[in-house]
């Protein structure tokens, strides 16, 4: 784990039916965030929700008619998020955007001691006590 560092969480509330040109808005946001080399983005699909219009966004019998809520989350340094906001402003027609200060703990794929943990697992944890 790296030492905690300050960041900003950008959370974008939209829906499956929202578009940017002909593409789903959430996909276009993620693609643009990647193009701008932001740290990462996650899309979360909701099962039920409503927004400013108070219209319920919920599952529908016909999949093409669904208008489920979508949340896109992006976490990065404040300056990178601030540089992304004007781009996002051009993409959004409706929805809600929130910004929150965040403390980030980052874990990498290669942690120290991986080889040792694999050996211990394969050899039956030789350093563990067998007493009940």
Protein backbone atom coordinates (compact mmCIF):
# COMPACT_ATOMS: atom_id res chain seq x y z
CA UNK A 1 0.00 0.00 0.00
CA UNK A 2 1.23 3.47 -0.83
CA UNK A 3 0.91 6.24 1.72
CA UNK A 4 -2.51 7.93 1.71
CA UNK A 5 -2.71 10.96 -0.55
CA UNK A 6 -5.33 13.60 -1.24
CA UNK A 7 -7.58 13.32 -4.28
CA UNK A 8 -11.00 14.30 -5.55
CA UNK A 9 -13.91 11.97 -6.27
CA UNK A 10 -15.94 13.08 -9.26
CA UNK A 11 -19.35 11.38 -9.25
CA UNK A 12 -21.64 11.75 -12.27
CA UNK A 13 -25.31 10.76 -12.03
CA UNK A 14 -26.97 10.06 -15.38
CA UNK A 15 -29.07 7.33 -17.00
CA UNK A 16 -28.68 4.54 -19.53
CA UNK A 17 -30.71 6.49 -22.09
CA UNK A 18 -28.55 9.66 -21.98
CA UNK A 19 -26.38 10.08 -25.08
CA UNK A 20 -23.34 11.97 -26.27
CA UNK A 21 -23.75 12.13 -30.03
CA UNK A 22 -24.87 8.57 -30.77
CA UNK A 23 -22.95 6.87 -27.94
CA UNK A 24 -24.16 6.19 -24.41
CA UNK A 25 -23.07 9.16 -22.29
CA UNK A 26 -21.48 7.01 -19.61
CA UNK A 27 -19.29 5.24 -22.20
CA UNK A 28 -18.25 8.53 -23.78
CA UNK A 29 -17.32 9.93 -20.34
CA UNK A 30 -15.15 6.91 -19.55
CA UNK A 31 -13.48 7.06 -22.98
CA UNK A 32 -12.73 10.78 -22.59
CA UNK A 33 -11.37 10.25 -19.06
CA UNK A 34 -9.07 7.57 -20.44
CA UNK A 35 -7.98 9.83 -23.32
CA UNK A 36 -7.10 12.50 -20.77
CA UNK A 37 -5.13 9.94 -18.75
CA UNK A 38 -7.18 10.18 -15.59
CA UNK A 39 -6.37 7.52 -13.02
CA UNK A 40 -9.48 5.42 -13.68
CA UNK A 41 -13.25 5.37 -13.97
CA UNK A 42 -15.98 3.01 -12.82
CA UNK A 43 -19.55 2.80 -14.11
CA UNK A 44 -22.22 1.61 -11.68
CA UNK A 45 -25.67 0.67 -12.95
CA UNK A 46 -28.50 1.30 -10.52
CA UNK A 47 -31.68 -0.74 -10.25
CA UNK A 48 -33.97 2.11 -9.27
CA UNK A 49 -33.72 5.86 -8.88
CA UNK A 50 -35.13 9.29 -9.62
CA UNK A 51 -33.70 12.73 -10.14
CA UNK A 52 -34.82 16.32 -10.66
CA UNK A 53 -37.73 15.28 -12.88
CA UNK A 54 -39.01 12.88 -10.16
CA UNK A 55 -39.56 10.28 -12.91
CA UNK A 56 -38.72 6.81 -11.61
CA UNK A 57 -35.89 5.12 -13.50
CA UNK A 58 -36.57 1.42 -13.12
CA UNK A 59 -36.40 -1.91 -14.96
CA UNK A 60 -38.87 -2.34 -17.78
CA UNK A 61 -40.43 -5.40 -19.39
CA UNK A 62 -38.80 -4.48 -22.70
CA UNK A 63 -34.99 -4.14 -22.34
CA UNK A 64 -34.72 -1.47 -25.04
CA UNK A 65 -37.12 0.75 -23.09
CA UNK A 66 -35.07 0.66 -19.89
CA UNK A 67 -33.90 3.95 -18.46
CA UNK A 68 -31.88 2.79 -15.46
CA UNK A 69 -29.75 5.15 -13.39
CA UNK A 70 -26.00 5.20 -13.99
CA UNK A 71 -23.25 6.56 -11.76
CA UNK A 72 -19.76 7.19 -13.15
CA UNK A 73 -17.02 7.61 -10.54
CA UNK A 74 -13.58 9.02 -11.27
CA UNK A 75 -10.90 9.60 -8.64
CA UNK A 76 -7.73 11.56 -9.36
CA UNK A 77 -5.70 14.55 -8.27
CA UNK A 78 -7.64 17.78 -7.94
CA UNK A 79 -5.88 19.50 -10.85
CA UNK A 80 -6.65 16.61 -13.23
CA UNK A 81 -10.31 16.52 -12.17
CA UNK A 82 -10.55 20.31 -12.59
CA UNK A 83 -9.11 20.00 -16.12
CA UNK A 84 -11.76 17.36 -16.93
CA UNK A 85 -14.74 19.44 -15.75
CA UNK A 86 -14.97 21.75 -18.84
CA UNK A 87 -14.87 18.65 -21.07
CA UNK A 88 -17.62 17.04 -19.01
CA UNK A 89 -19.64 20.27 -19.20
CA UNK A 90 -19.64 20.00 -23.00
CA UNK A 91 -20.85 16.39 -22.85
CA UNK A 92 -23.67 16.68 -20.31
CA UNK A 93 -27.18 17.79 -21.19
CA UNK A 94 -28.76 16.74 -17.92
CA UNK A 95 -27.74 14.95 -14.78
CA UNK A 96 -25.95 15.72 -11.55
CA UNK A 97 -22.25 15.99 -10.77
CA UNK A 98 -20.73 15.96 -7.31
CA UNK A 99 -17.16 16.57 -6.17
CA UNK A 100 -15.82 15.27 -2.89
CA UNK A 101 -12.43 15.41 -1.27
CA UNK A 102 -11.04 11.90 -0.88
CA UNK A 103 -8.10 10.25 0.83
CA UNK A 104 -6.68 7.54 -1.45
CA UNK A 105 -4.94 4.35 -0.38
CA UNK A 106 -3.60 2.69 -3.50
CA UNK A 107 -2.73 -0.97 -3.80
CA UNK A 108 -0.73 -2.31 -6.72
CA UNK A 109 -0.98 -5.69 -8.39
CA UNK A 110 2.52 -6.68 -7.27
CA UNK A 111 2.75 -6.63 -3.51
CA UNK A 112 5.99 -7.35 -1.71
CA UNK A 113 6.13 -10.91 -0.46
CA UNK A 114 3.91 -12.49 -3.13
CA UNK A 115 6.39 -15.28 -3.80
CA UNK A 116 6.63 -16.02 -0.08
CA UNK A 117 2.81 -16.15 0.30
CA UNK A 118 2.55 -18.58 -2.64
CA UNK A 119 5.24 -20.84 -1.18
CA UNK A 120 3.51 -20.82 2.22
CA UNK A 121 0.18 -21.63 0.61
CA UNK A 122 1.61 -24.51 -1.43
CA UNK A 123 3.60 -25.92 1.49
CA UNK A 124 0.72 -25.78 3.95
CA UNK A 125 1.74 -22.68 5.92
CA UNK A 126 4.83 -24.17 7.65
CA UNK A 127 5.18 -21.27 10.08
CA UNK A 128 1.66 -21.66 11.53
CA UNK A 129 1.13 -23.50 14.79
CA UNK A 130 -0.81 -26.79 14.57
CA UNK A 131 -2.02 -26.62 18.16
CA UNK A 132 -5.77 -26.49 18.75
